[in-house]
Structures are given as structure tokens and as C-alpha cells.
N, C-alpha and C. Protein backbone atom coordinates (compact mmCIF):
# COMPACT_ATOMS: atom_id res chain seq x y z
N LEU A 1 97.71 103.74 109.28
CA LEU A 1 96.37 104.23 109.02
C LEU A 1 95.33 103.55 109.89
N PHE A 2 95.67 102.45 110.46
CA PHE A 2 94.67 101.72 111.21
C PHE A 2 94.20 102.47 112.44
N ASP A 3 94.97 103.44 112.93
CA ASP A 3 94.51 104.22 114.06
C ASP A 3 93.71 105.44 113.60
N MET A 4 93.62 105.65 112.31
CA MET A 4 92.82 106.75 111.77
C MET A 4 91.39 106.27 111.61
N GLU A 5 90.46 107.20 111.67
CA GLU A 5 89.07 106.86 111.44
C GLU A 5 88.87 106.49 109.97
N SER A 6 87.88 105.64 109.72
CA SER A 6 87.68 105.20 108.35
C SER A 6 87.29 106.36 107.43
N LYS A 7 86.64 107.39 107.95
CA LYS A 7 86.32 108.55 107.12
C LYS A 7 87.61 109.22 106.63
N GLU A 8 88.59 109.34 107.50
CA GLU A 8 89.87 109.93 107.11
C GLU A 8 90.57 109.06 106.08
N MET A 9 90.51 107.76 106.27
CA MET A 9 91.12 106.83 105.32
C MET A 9 90.48 106.99 103.95
N ARG A 10 89.16 107.05 103.91
CA ARG A 10 88.45 107.19 102.63
C ARG A 10 88.83 108.48 101.92
N ILE A 11 89.03 109.54 102.66
CA ILE A 11 89.43 110.82 102.06
C ILE A 11 90.80 110.68 101.40
N ILE A 12 91.72 110.01 102.09
CA ILE A 12 93.06 109.80 101.53
C ILE A 12 92.98 108.93 100.28
N PHE A 13 92.19 107.85 100.34
CA PHE A 13 92.04 106.97 99.17
C PHE A 13 91.43 107.75 98.01
N LEU A 14 90.40 108.55 98.29
CA LEU A 14 89.75 109.33 97.25
C LEU A 14 90.72 110.32 96.61
N TYR A 15 91.54 110.95 97.43
CA TYR A 15 92.54 111.90 96.93
C TYR A 15 93.48 111.20 95.94
N GLU A 16 93.98 110.04 96.30
CA GLU A 16 94.88 109.29 95.42
C GLU A 16 94.15 108.88 94.14
N TYR A 17 92.90 108.47 94.27
CA TYR A 17 92.09 108.07 93.12
C TYR A 17 91.87 109.25 92.18
N LYS A 18 91.55 110.41 92.74
CA LYS A 18 91.30 111.61 91.92
C LYS A 18 92.56 112.06 91.19
N LEU A 19 93.72 111.77 91.75
CA LEU A 19 94.98 112.09 91.07
C LEU A 19 95.29 111.09 89.96
N ASP A 20 94.39 110.12 89.77
CA ASP A 20 94.52 109.09 88.74
C ASP A 20 95.73 108.19 88.98
N HIS A 21 96.07 107.99 90.26
CA HIS A 21 97.16 107.09 90.60
C HIS A 21 96.67 105.65 90.56
N SER A 22 97.55 104.76 90.20
CA SER A 22 97.23 103.33 90.25
C SER A 22 97.16 102.92 91.72
N ALA A 23 96.60 101.74 91.96
CA ALA A 23 96.53 101.23 93.33
C ALA A 23 97.93 101.07 93.92
N ALA A 24 98.86 100.59 93.10
CA ALA A 24 100.23 100.39 93.58
C ALA A 24 100.88 101.73 93.95
N GLU A 25 100.67 102.73 93.11
CA GLU A 25 101.24 104.05 93.38
C GLU A 25 100.61 104.68 94.62
N ALA A 26 99.30 104.53 94.75
CA ALA A 26 98.60 105.06 95.93
C ALA A 26 99.11 104.39 97.20
N THR A 27 99.29 103.08 97.14
CA THR A 27 99.81 102.34 98.30
C THR A 27 101.18 102.85 98.69
N ARG A 28 102.05 103.03 97.70
CA ARG A 28 103.40 103.56 97.96
C ARG A 28 103.34 104.94 98.61
N ASN A 29 102.51 105.81 98.05
CA ASN A 29 102.39 107.18 98.57
C ASN A 29 101.89 107.19 100.01
N ILE A 30 100.86 106.41 100.28
CA ILE A 30 100.28 106.39 101.62
C ILE A 30 101.26 105.79 102.62
N ASN A 31 101.92 104.71 102.24
CA ASN A 31 102.89 104.09 103.14
C ASN A 31 104.11 104.98 103.36
N THR A 32 104.49 105.76 102.37
CA THR A 32 105.59 106.71 102.55
C THR A 32 105.19 107.80 103.54
N ALA A 33 103.98 108.29 103.41
CA ALA A 33 103.52 109.39 104.27
C ALA A 33 103.20 108.94 105.69
N PHE A 34 102.62 107.74 105.84
CA PHE A 34 102.11 107.33 107.14
C PHE A 34 102.86 106.16 107.76
N GLY A 35 103.87 105.65 107.06
CA GLY A 35 104.66 104.55 107.59
C GLY A 35 104.39 103.25 106.86
N GLU A 36 105.46 102.49 106.66
CA GLU A 36 105.34 101.20 105.97
C GLU A 36 104.32 100.32 106.66
N GLY A 37 103.50 99.68 105.84
CA GLY A 37 102.48 98.78 106.37
C GLY A 37 101.22 99.48 106.82
N SER A 38 101.13 100.79 106.57
CA SER A 38 99.92 101.52 106.95
C SER A 38 98.70 101.01 106.21
N VAL A 39 98.92 100.66 104.96
CA VAL A 39 97.82 100.16 104.14
C VAL A 39 98.40 99.15 103.16
N SER A 40 97.58 98.18 102.77
CA SER A 40 98.05 97.17 101.82
C SER A 40 97.54 97.49 100.42
N ASP A 41 98.24 96.98 99.45
CA ASP A 41 97.84 97.15 98.05
C ASP A 41 96.46 96.55 97.82
N ARG A 42 96.19 95.44 98.47
CA ARG A 42 94.89 94.76 98.31
C ARG A 42 93.73 95.65 98.76
N ILE A 43 93.90 96.33 99.89
CA ILE A 43 92.85 97.22 100.39
C ILE A 43 92.61 98.36 99.40
N ILE A 44 93.69 98.94 98.91
CA ILE A 44 93.56 100.05 97.95
C ILE A 44 92.91 99.56 96.66
N ARG A 45 93.34 98.42 96.14
CA ARG A 45 92.74 97.89 94.91
C ARG A 45 91.24 97.68 95.08
N ARG A 46 90.86 97.11 96.22
CA ARG A 46 89.44 96.85 96.48
C ARG A 46 88.66 98.16 96.55
N TRP A 47 89.24 99.17 97.18
CA TRP A 47 88.56 100.45 97.30
C TRP A 47 88.45 101.13 95.93
N PHE A 48 89.51 101.05 95.13
CA PHE A 48 89.50 101.69 93.81
C PHE A 48 88.47 101.05 92.88
N GLU A 49 88.13 99.79 93.11
CA GLU A 49 87.13 99.12 92.27
C GLU A 49 85.73 99.66 92.49
N LYS A 50 85.48 100.26 93.65
CA LYS A 50 84.13 100.75 93.99
C LYS A 50 83.72 101.95 93.22
């Protein structure tokens, strides 16, 4: 995900959040779709807190 624009990243995070996924589940889904290490659980947790 690091090569994606932050707007695209936010859309993906929002999508996972709207599906009521936990941060851990969202991290798993994103890393499965975009490759292991694309995003960390810590980044997702921080974003979900906002």
C-alpha cells in the first residue's frame, strides 16, 4: 500500500471500517489483497480510532 496514494489508502480503510471489521481483520484482508506487509495492524488501529 505504500506506493498507493494516501487518499486510496483511506478509502480502503474506510471500506473495512464500514464493514464493521476489527483492526486485525482489516489488516488481514488488506495484506491478503495487496501483499503481506502492505499495512500494519498498528496503522489500522490508529486510523480506526479516528
